[in-house]
Amino acid sequence: MIRGILIAGLWVGLAGGLSGCLAFGGTTNSSSPSKGQELVDLKMALDRGAINQSEFEAAKAQVLNRH
């Protein structure tokens, strides 16, 4: 039981500690990304095959139409 608690605590700690590791430029930003960064991220997802062209176009339209 104690082992399970320790493992759960480790996962929580890792998840919290790694949350900023994916930021580009080595910094983390708690505010939402700019429209430009969202578009770059969408294009990267398209190029990597994570989304298809129609999903890219729909998401891009949502980003561009947001106020």
Protein backbone atom coordinates (compact mmCIF):
# COMPACT_ATOMS: atom_id res chain seq x y z
CA MET A 1 0.00 0.00 0.00
CA ILE A 2 2.77 2.46 0.87
CA ARG A 3 4.54 1.49 -2.34
CA GLY A 4 1.38 2.37 -4.31
CA ILE A 5 1.15 5.75 -2.63
CA LEU A 6 4.80 6.46 -3.37
CA ILE A 7 4.39 5.49 -7.02
CA ALA A 8 1.27 7.66 -7.35
CA GLY A 9 3.14 10.58 -5.78
CA LEU A 10 6.02 10.07 -8.18
CA TRP A 11 3.69 10.21 -11.19
CA VAL A 12 2.03 13.37 -9.92
CA GLY A 13 5.42 14.96 -9.35
CA LEU A 14 6.66 13.97 -12.80
CA ALA A 15 3.53 15.25 -14.49
CA GLY A 16 3.83 18.60 -12.74
CA GLY A 17 7.55 18.87 -13.39
CA LEU A 18 7.31 17.99 -17.06
CA SER A 19 4.41 20.26 -17.91
CA GLY A 20 6.73 23.02 -19.17
CA CYS A 21 9.17 20.78 -21.02
CA LEU A 22 7.37 21.09 -24.33
CA ALA A 23 7.67 24.87 -24.55
CA PHE A 24 9.84 26.13 -27.37
CA GLY A 25 12.65 28.50 -26.51
CA GLY A 26 13.16 27.02 -23.05
CA THR A 27 10.60 29.16 -21.26
CA THR A 28 7.13 28.42 -20.01
CA ASN A 29 4.23 30.79 -20.31
CA SER A 30 1.08 30.42 -18.25
CA SER A 31 -0.95 32.62 -20.61
CA SER A 32 -2.61 31.24 -23.71
CA PRO A 33 -0.54 31.02 -26.90
CA SER A 34 -0.80 33.72 -29.54
CA LYS A 35 -2.77 33.13 -32.73
CA GLY A 36 0.51 32.89 -34.60
CA GLN A 37 1.84 30.17 -32.29
CA GLU A 38 -1.42 28.25 -32.54
CA LEU A 39 -1.17 28.37 -36.34
CA VAL A 40 2.44 27.18 -36.23
CA ASP A 41 1.43 24.33 -33.91
CA LEU A 42 -1.44 23.37 -36.19
CA LYS A 43 0.85 23.34 -39.24
CA MET A 44 3.33 21.15 -37.38
CA ALA A 45 0.51 18.75 -36.47
CA LEU A 46 -0.54 18.64 -40.13
CA ASP A 47 3.03 18.06 -41.34
CA ARG A 48 3.50 15.23 -38.81
CA GLY A 49 0.23 13.56 -39.79
CA ALA A 50 -1.46 14.12 -36.44
CA ILE A 51 -4.35 15.88 -38.20
CA ASN A 52 -5.57 15.81 -41.79
CA GLN A 53 -6.02 18.76 -44.17
CA SER A 54 -9.73 19.26 -43.41
CA GLU A 55 -9.07 19.21 -39.64
CA PHE A 56 -6.26 21.71 -40.16
CA GLU A 57 -8.49 24.06 -42.18
CA ALA A 58 -11.31 23.87 -39.60
CA ALA A 59 -8.98 24.52 -36.67
CA LYS A 60 -7.21 27.32 -38.55
CA ALA A 61 -10.55 29.02 -39.25
CA GLN A 62 -11.45 28.81 -35.54
CA VAL A 63 -8.14 30.39 -34.54
CA LEU A 64 -8.42 33.18 -37.11
CA ASN A 65 -12.06 33.96 -36.28
CA ARG A 66 -11.48 34.24 -32.53
CA HIS A 67 -11.53 37.74 -31.07
